[in-house]
Protein backbone atom coordinates (compact mmCIF):
# COMPACT_ATOMS: atom_id res chain seq x y z
CA MET A 1 2.39 -8.50 -12.87
CA SER A 2 4.34 -8.61 -9.59
CA HIS A 3 6.30 -5.52 -10.68
CA ARG A 4 3.04 -3.59 -10.96
CA ILE A 5 1.95 -4.77 -7.52
CA LEU A 6 5.28 -3.65 -6.06
CA VAL A 7 5.01 -0.24 -7.72
CA TRP A 8 1.43 0.16 -6.49
CA PHE A 9 2.42 -0.91 -2.97
CA LEU A 10 5.32 1.55 -2.90
CA TRP A 11 3.08 4.31 -4.22
CA MET A 12 0.51 3.61 -1.49
CA SER A 13 3.25 3.49 1.17
CA PHE A 14 4.62 6.85 0.08
CA THR A 15 1.11 8.29 -0.03
CA ILE A 16 0.40 7.23 3.54
CA VAL A 17 3.76 8.45 4.82
CA SER A 18 3.42 11.78 3.03
CA CYS A 19 0.10 12.49 4.81
CA SER A 20 1.90 12.78 8.13
CA VAL A 21 2.44 16.32 9.42
CA SER A 22 6.11 15.78 10.27
CA GLN A 23 7.05 14.25 6.90
CA LYS A 24 8.29 16.13 3.88
CA VAL A 25 9.00 14.72 0.43
CA THR A 26 12.39 16.02 -0.59
CA PHE A 27 12.92 13.90 -3.69
CA SER A 28 10.87 11.63 -5.91
CA TRP A 29 11.62 9.65 -9.04
CA LYS A 30 9.45 7.95 -11.61
CA ASN A 31 10.67 5.57 -14.29
CA PRO A 32 9.69 7.35 -17.52
CA ASP A 33 9.58 4.02 -19.40
CA TYR A 34 7.09 2.36 -17.01
CA ARG A 35 3.56 2.10 -18.39
CA ILE A 36 0.58 0.42 -16.78
CA THR A 37 -0.86 -1.92 -19.38
CA GLU A 38 -3.56 -3.60 -17.31
CA LYS A 39 -5.21 -3.15 -13.93
CA PRO A 40 -3.88 -5.46 -11.18
CA LYS A 41 -6.21 -8.29 -10.17
CA LYS A 42 -4.84 -8.94 -6.68
CA ILE A 43 -2.62 -6.94 -4.32
CA PHE A 44 -0.97 -7.33 -0.92
CA VAL A 45 -1.57 -4.40 1.43
CA ALA A 46 0.81 -3.68 4.32
CA ALA A 47 0.89 -0.55 6.48
CA LEU A 48 4.33 -0.14 8.04
CA VAL A 49 3.46 1.58 11.32
CA ASN A 50 4.25 0.82 14.96
CA ASN A 51 0.69 1.05 16.28
CA PRO A 52 -1.19 -2.22 15.53
CA HIS A 53 -4.60 -0.50 15.71
CA VAL A 54 -3.53 2.07 13.14
CA ARG A 55 -2.02 -0.67 10.99
CA ILE A 56 -5.28 -2.63 10.93
CA HIS A 57 -7.33 0.49 10.21
CA LEU A 58 -5.07 1.66 7.38
CA GLU A 59 -4.96 -1.75 5.75
CA GLU A 60 -8.73 -2.09 6.04
CA GLU A 61 -9.31 1.31 4.44
CA MET A 62 -6.79 0.68 1.63
CA GLY A 63 -8.36 -2.73 1.09
CA LYS A 64 -11.84 -1.22 0.83
CA ALA A 65 -10.63 1.35 -1.70
CA ALA A 66 -8.97 -1.34 -3.82
CA SER A 67 -12.00 -3.64 -3.55
CA GLN A 68 -14.23 -0.86 -4.86
CA GLN A 69 -12.00 -0.82 -7.95
CA GLY A 70 -12.54 -4.58 -8.42
CA ILE A 71 -9.15 -5.62 -7.06
CA GLN A 72 -8.75 -8.61 -4.72
CA VAL A 73 -6.90 -7.68 -1.53
CA GLU A 74 -4.69 -9.64 0.85
CA ARG A 75 -3.96 -7.69 4.04
CA SER A 76 -0.76 -8.22 5.99
CA TRP A 77 -2.63 -8.54 9.30
CA ASP A 78 -4.33 -11.65 7.89
CA TYR A 79 -0.87 -13.25 7.79
CA PHE A 80 1.16 -11.50 10.48
CA PRO A 81 -0.20 -10.99 14.01
CA PRO A 82 -0.40 -7.49 15.52
CA THR A 83 2.68 -8.29 17.64
CA PHE A 84 4.79 -9.08 14.55
CA LYS A 85 7.74 -6.69 14.16
């Protein structure tokens, strides 16, 4: 279960980073043997950005999207203050 959460978190992190204008994906890899067998029940969402306002907004939006899919969400800003680095 935690492996699936990690894979989902990494996928979301790469998705967010790839939306930036100055970023370019030069290589990607997917484990051909990995198969999702069941939908995750709970995930931890963390946006790794310097701006705390952007971090909160991104985590809130990702949390809403996951919640709409029936997934419980724990956001990093619920545990780490905006000044945490």
